[in-house]
């Protein structure tokens, strides 16, 4: 009898888990860098009209104002068209302060190049759009663009 055990042939060595934390942190950093955060949560229905001449806006100098009927999950706010700035429903009197706040938070060299983007549902009453534009005039925000979808070519 021998004092030493014979090794069995075919045994696999144990898996090394020493590099597992490195892999986990590498995946964590990848998803942190690659993930895009959503700007706003829409609380209104926003089916945009189509246009054939579409131009891309720079987001660092563009403020978006949404208008349309509240979506299904926000029916408690009624069925009339509402204004949404950022993530909140606002009224007409709140448009000017929101514009002033956006201008104050913008870099100095972009303050005179600020564009207001109106994302208006195509079924929204034109009177609401006219009222929004009047508030923007009073806030001296004169560069206004209507955001549309690009017309599909058949």
C-alpha atoms as a PDB file:
ATOM      1  CA  UNK A   1       0.000   0.000   0.000  1.00  0.00           C
ATOM      2  CA  UNK A   2       1.227   3.394  -0.867  1.00  0.00           C
ATOM      3  CA  UNK A   3       0.825   6.480   1.208  1.00  0.00           C
ATOM      4  CA  UNK A   4       0.064   8.684  -1.782  1.00  0.00           C
ATOM      5  CA  UNK A   5      -3.204   8.629  -3.684  1.00  0.00           C
ATOM      6  CA  UNK A   6      -3.029   8.342  -7.378  1.00  0.00           C
ATOM      7  CA  UNK A   7      -4.624  11.221  -9.234  1.00  0.00           C
ATOM      8  CA  UNK A   8      -7.598  10.287 -11.284  1.00  0.00           C
ATOM      9  CA  UNK A   9      -7.163  10.962 -14.926  1.00  0.00           C
ATOM     10  CA  UNK A  10      -9.659  13.312 -16.602  1.00  0.00           C
ATOM     11  CA  UNK A  11     -10.346  15.609 -13.614  1.00  0.00           C
ATOM     12  CA  UNK A  12     -10.817  19.235 -14.618  1.00  0.00           C
ATOM     13  CA  UNK A  13      -9.121  21.937 -12.589  1.00  0.00           C
ATOM     14  CA  UNK A  14     -11.339  24.360 -10.666  1.00  0.00           C
ATOM     15  CA  UNK A  15     -12.442  27.499 -12.547  1.00  0.00           C
ATOM     16  CA  UNK A  16     -10.567  30.578 -11.453  1.00  0.00           C
ATOM     17  CA  UNK A  17     -12.894  33.425 -10.429  1.00  0.00           C
ATOM     18  CA  UNK A  18     -10.118  35.936  -9.789  1.00  0.00           C
ATOM     19  CA  UNK A  19     -10.937  37.986 -12.924  1.00  0.00           C
ATOM     20  CA  UNK A  20     -14.712  37.956 -12.375  1.00  0.00           C
ATOM     21  CA  UNK A  21     -14.847  41.366 -10.572  1.00  0.00           C
ATOM     22  CA  UNK A  22     -12.830  42.902 -13.423  1.00  0.00           C
ATOM     23  CA  UNK A  23     -15.325  41.619 -15.972  1.00  0.00           C
ATOM     24  CA  UNK A  24     -18.300  42.847 -13.929  1.00  0.00           C
ATOM     25  CA  UNK A  25     -16.854  46.353 -13.594  1.00  0.00           C
ATOM     26  CA  UNK A  26     -15.946  46.452 -17.276  1.00  0.00           C
ATOM     27  CA  UNK A  27     -19.568  45.615 -18.182  1.00  0.00           C
ATOM     28  CA  UNK A  28     -20.844  48.171 -15.685  1.00  0.00           C
ATOM     29  CA  UNK A  29     -18.719  50.936 -17.192  1.00  0.00           C
ATOM     30  CA  UNK A  30     -19.712  49.924 -20.715  1.00  0.00           C
ATOM     31  CA  UNK A  31     -23.432  50.216 -19.947  1.00  0.00           C
ATOM     32  CA  UNK A  32     -22.940  53.472 -18.050  1.00  0.00           C
ATOM     33  CA  UNK A  33     -21.226  55.020 -21.063  1.00  0.00           C
ATOM     34  CA  UNK A  34     -23.422  53.492 -23.763  1.00  0.00           C
ATOM     35  CA  UNK A  35     -26.814  54.175 -22.147  1.00  0.00           C
ATOM     36  CA  UNK A  36     -28.716  57.232 -23.332  1.00  0.00           C
ATOM     37  CA  UNK A  37     -30.980  58.888 -20.804  1.00  0.00           C
ATOM     38  CA  UNK A  38     -34.417  59.978 -21.949  1.00  0.00           C
ATOM     39  CA  UNK A  39     -34.908  63.747 -21.959  1.00  0.00           C
ATOM     40  CA  UNK A  40     -38.605  64.005 -21.149  1.00  0.00           C
ATOM     41  CA  UNK A  41     -41.470  61.677 -20.386  1.00  0.00           C
ATOM     42  CA  UNK A  42     -44.360  62.621 -22.629  1.00  0.00           C
ATOM     43  CA  UNK A  43     -47.649  63.015 -20.842  1.00  0.00           C
ATOM     44  CA  UNK A  44     -49.536  64.031 -23.967  1.00  0.00           C
ATOM     45  CA  UNK A  45     -50.423  62.371 -27.235  1.00  0.00           C
ATOM     46  CA  UNK A  46     -47.903  63.602 -29.746  1.00  0.00           C
ATOM     47  CA  UNK A  47     -48.584  62.514 -33.308  1.00  0.00           C
ATOM     48  CA  UNK A  48     -46.551  65.034 -35.277  1.00  0.00           C
ATOM     49  CA  UNK A  49     -47.522  66.250 -38.741  1.00  0.00           C
ATOM     50  CA  UNK A  50     -45.292  65.382 -41.694  1.00  0.00           C
ATOM     51  CA  UNK A  51     -43.179  67.731 -43.797  1.00  0.00           C
ATOM     52  CA  UNK A  52     -40.890  67.339 -46.789  1.00  0.00           C
ATOM     53  CA  UNK A  53     -38.173  69.817 -45.740  1.00  0.00           C
ATOM     54  CA  UNK A  54     -36.837  68.768 -42.359  1.00  0.00           C
ATOM     55  CA  UNK A  55     -33.774  70.184 -40.573  1.00  0.00           C
ATOM     56  CA  UNK A  56     -32.055  68.770 -37.498  1.00  0.00           C
ATOM     57  CA  UNK A  57     -31.786  71.061 -34.450  1.00  0.00           C
ATOM     58  CA  UNK A  58     -28.929  71.257 -31.969  1.00  0.00           C
ATOM     59  CA  UNK A  59     -30.296  70.152 -28.606  1.00  0.00           C
ATOM     60  CA  UNK A  60     -27.996  72.330 -26.507  1.00  0.00           C
ATOM     61  CA  UNK A  61     -29.734  75.497 -27.712  1.00  0.00           C
ATOM     62  CA  UNK A  62     -33.278  74.184 -28.228  1.00  0.00           C
ATOM     63  CA  UNK A  63     -36.134  74.260 -25.741  1.00  0.00           C
ATOM     64  CA  UNK A  64     -39.065  71.977 -26.526  1.00  0.00           C
ATOM     65  CA  UNK A  65     -42.681  72.807 -25.755  1.00  0.00           C
ATOM     66  CA  UNK A  66     -45.201  70.003 -26.240  1.00  0.00           C
ATOM     67  CA  UNK A  67     -48.908  70.493 -26.845  1.00  0.00           C
ATOM     68  CA  UNK A  68     -51.672  67.931 -27.207  1.00  0.00           C
ATOM     69  CA  UNK A  69     -54.343  65.955 -25.404  1.00  0.00           C
ATOM     70  CA  UNK A  70     -53.231  64.055 -22.293  1.00  0.00           C
ATOM     71  CA  UNK A  71     -52.291  60.443 -23.036  1.00  0.00           C
ATOM     72  CA  UNK A  72     -54.289  57.474 -21.722  1.00  0.00           C
ATOM     73  CA  UNK A  73     -52.478  57.250 -18.387  1.00  0.00           C
ATOM     74  CA  UNK A  74     -53.046  60.963 -17.694  1.00  0.00           C
ATOM     75  CA  UNK A  75     -56.787  61.136 -18.503  1.00  0.00           C
ATOM     76  CA  UNK A  76     -57.443  62.569 -15.031  1.00  0.00           C
ATOM     77  CA  UNK A  77     -56.209  65.905 -16.442  1.00  0.00           C
ATOM     78  CA  UNK A  78     -59.099  66.021 -18.901  1.00  0.00           C
ATOM     79  CA  UNK A  79     -59.470  65.651 -22.649  1.00  0.00           C
ATOM     80  CA  UNK A  80     -58.614  69.212 -23.717  1.00  0.00           C
ATOM     81  CA  UNK A  81     -55.213  69.929 -25.226  1.00  0.00           C
ATOM     82  CA  UNK A  82     -52.567  70.781 -22.620  1.00  0.00           C
ATOM     83  CA  UNK A  83     -49.085  72.300 -22.648  1.00  0.00           C
ATOM     84  CA  UNK A  84     -46.143  70.271 -21.369  1.00  0.00           C
ATOM     85  CA  UNK A  85     -42.727  71.779 -20.668  1.00  0.00           C
ATOM     86  CA  UNK A  86     -40.040  69.367 -19.471  1.00  0.00           C
ATOM     87  CA  UNK A  87     -41.917  66.736 -17.446  1.00  0.00           C
ATOM     88  CA  UNK A  88     -44.842  68.800 -16.177  1.00  0.00           C
ATOM     89  CA  UNK A  89     -48.143  70.119 -17.454  1.00  0.00           C
ATOM     90  CA  UNK A  90     -48.126  73.904 -17.442  1.00  0.00           C
ATOM     91  CA  UNK A  91     -50.543  76.674 -18.240  1.00  0.00           C
ATOM     92  CA  UNK A  92     -50.066  79.618 -20.560  1.00  0.00           C
ATOM     93  CA  UNK A  93     -48.829  81.937 -17.766  1.00  0.00           C
ATOM     94  CA  UNK A  94     -45.996  79.476 -17.040  1.00  0.00           C
ATOM     95  CA  UNK A  95     -44.547  79.578 -20.582  1.00  0.00           C
ATOM     96  CA  UNK A  96     -42.637  82.851 -20.149  1.00  0.00           C
ATOM     97  CA  UNK A  97     -40.971  81.900 -16.833  1.00  0.00           C
ATOM     98  CA  UNK A  98     -39.956  78.539 -18.312  1.00  0.00           C
ATOM     99  CA  UNK A  99     -38.349  80.314 -21.297  1.00  0.00           C
ATOM    100  CA  UNK A 100     -36.515  82.732 -19.002  1.00  0.00           C
ATOM    101  CA  UNK A 101     -35.302  79.811 -16.869  1.00  0.00           C
ATOM    102  CA  UNK A 102     -34.040  77.964 -19.963  1.00  0.00           C
ATOM    103  CA  UNK A 103     -32.231  81.072 -21.211  1.00  0.00           C
ATOM    104  CA  UNK A 104     -30.635  81.601 -17.787  1.00  0.00           C
ATOM    105  CA  UNK A 105     -29.324  78.010 -17.784  1.00  0.00           C
ATOM    106  CA  UNK A 106     -27.793  78.264 -21.254  1.00  0.00           C
ATOM    107  CA  UNK A 107     -24.152  79.076 -22.009  1.00  0.00           C
ATOM    108  CA  UNK A 108     -23.493  82.747 -22.695  1.00  0.00           C
ATOM    109  CA  UNK A 109     -22.467  82.324 -26.336  1.00  0.00           C
ATOM    110  CA  UNK A 110     -25.713  80.452 -27.149  1.00  0.00           C
ATOM    111  CA  UNK A 111     -28.185  82.827 -25.466  1.00  0.00           C
ATOM    112  CA  UNK A 112     -28.885  84.794 -28.648  1.00  0.00           C
ATOM    113  CA  UNK A 113     -29.190  81.593 -30.731  1.00  0.00           C
ATOM    114  CA  UNK A 114     -31.863  79.846 -28.655  1.00  0.00           C
ATOM    115  CA  UNK A 115     -34.630  78.158 -30.651  1.00  0.00           C
ATOM    116  CA  UNK A 116     -38.009  77.142 -29.254  1.00  0.00           C
ATOM    117  CA  UNK A 117     -39.187  73.860 -30.760  1.00  0.00           C
ATOM    118  CA  UNK A 118     -42.957  73.346 -30.757  1.00  0.00           C
ATOM    119  CA  UNK A 119     -43.917  69.671 -30.809  1.00  0.00           C
ATOM    120  CA  UNK A 120     -47.634  70.032 -31.372  1.00  0.00           C
ATOM    121  CA  UNK A 121     -49.986  67.127 -31.966  1.00  0.00           C
ATOM    122  CA  UNK A 122     -51.601  67.442 -35.375  1.00  0.00           C
ATOM    123  CA  UNK A 123     -55.108  67.330 -33.850  1.00  0.00           C
ATOM    124  CA  UNK A 124     -54.426  70.226 -31.454  1.00  0.00           C
ATOM    125  CA  UNK A 125     -56.498  73.399 -31.736  1.00  0.00           C
ATOM    126  CA  UNK A 126     -54.673  76.213 -33.568  1.00  0.00           C
ATOM    127  CA  UNK A 127     -55.868  78.683 -30.902  1.00  0.00           C
ATOM    128  CA  UNK A 128     -53.633  77.024 -28.292  1.00  0.00           C
ATOM    129  CA  UNK A 129     -50.654  77.228 -30.650  1.00  0.00           C
ATOM    130  CA  UNK A 130     -51.403  80.904 -31.283  1.00  0.00           C
ATOM    131  CA  UNK A 131     -51.577  81.571 -27.534  1.00  0.00           C
ATOM    132  CA  UNK A 132     -48.234  79.816 -26.995  1.00  0.00           C
ATOM    133  CA  UNK A 133     -46.647  81.867 -29.765  1.00  0.00           C
ATOM    134  CA  UNK A 134     -48.023  85.077 -28.213  1.00  0.00           C
ATOM    135  CA  UNK A 135     -46.436  84.157 -24.865  1.00  0.00           C
ATOM    136  CA  UNK A 136     -43.147  83.459 -26.651  1.00  0.00           C
ATOM    137  CA  UNK A 137     -43.286  86.874 -28.349  1.00  0.00           C
ATOM    138  CA  UNK A 138     -43.749  88.551 -24.984  1.00  0.00           C
ATOM    139  CA  UNK A 139     -40.738  86.597 -23.654  1.00  0.00           C
ATOM    140  CA  UNK A 140     -38.734  87.818 -26.698  1.00  0.00           C
ATOM    141  CA  UNK A 141     -38.209  84.224 -27.859  1.00  0.00           C
ATOM    142  CA  UNK A 142     -38.708  84.899 -31.544  1.00  0.00           C
ATOM    143  CA  UNK A 143     -36.927  81.908 -33.091  1.00  0.00           C
ATOM    144  CA  UNK A 144     -39.685  79.296 -33.199  1.00  0.00           C
ATOM    145  CA  UNK A 145     -39.649  76.062 -35.185  1.00  0.00           C
ATOM    146  CA  UNK A 146     -42.376  73.492 -35.591  1.00  0.00           C
ATOM    147  CA  UNK A 147     -41.091  69.953 -35.088  1.00  0.00           C
ATOM    148  CA  UNK A 148     -42.473  67.468 -37.619  1.00  0.00           C
ATOM    149  CA  UNK A 149     -41.866  63.983 -38.901  1.00  0.00           C
ATOM    150  CA  UNK A 150     -40.180  63.570 -42.229  1.00  0.00           C
ATOM    151  CA  UNK A 151     -42.614  62.870 -45.062  1.00  0.00           C
ATOM    152  CA  UNK A 152     -42.307  59.267 -46.207  1.00  0.00           C
ATOM    153  CA  UNK A 153     -41.538  58.911 -49.909  1.00  0.00           C
ATOM    154  CA  UNK A 154     -43.536  56.161 -51.626  1.00  0.00           C
END
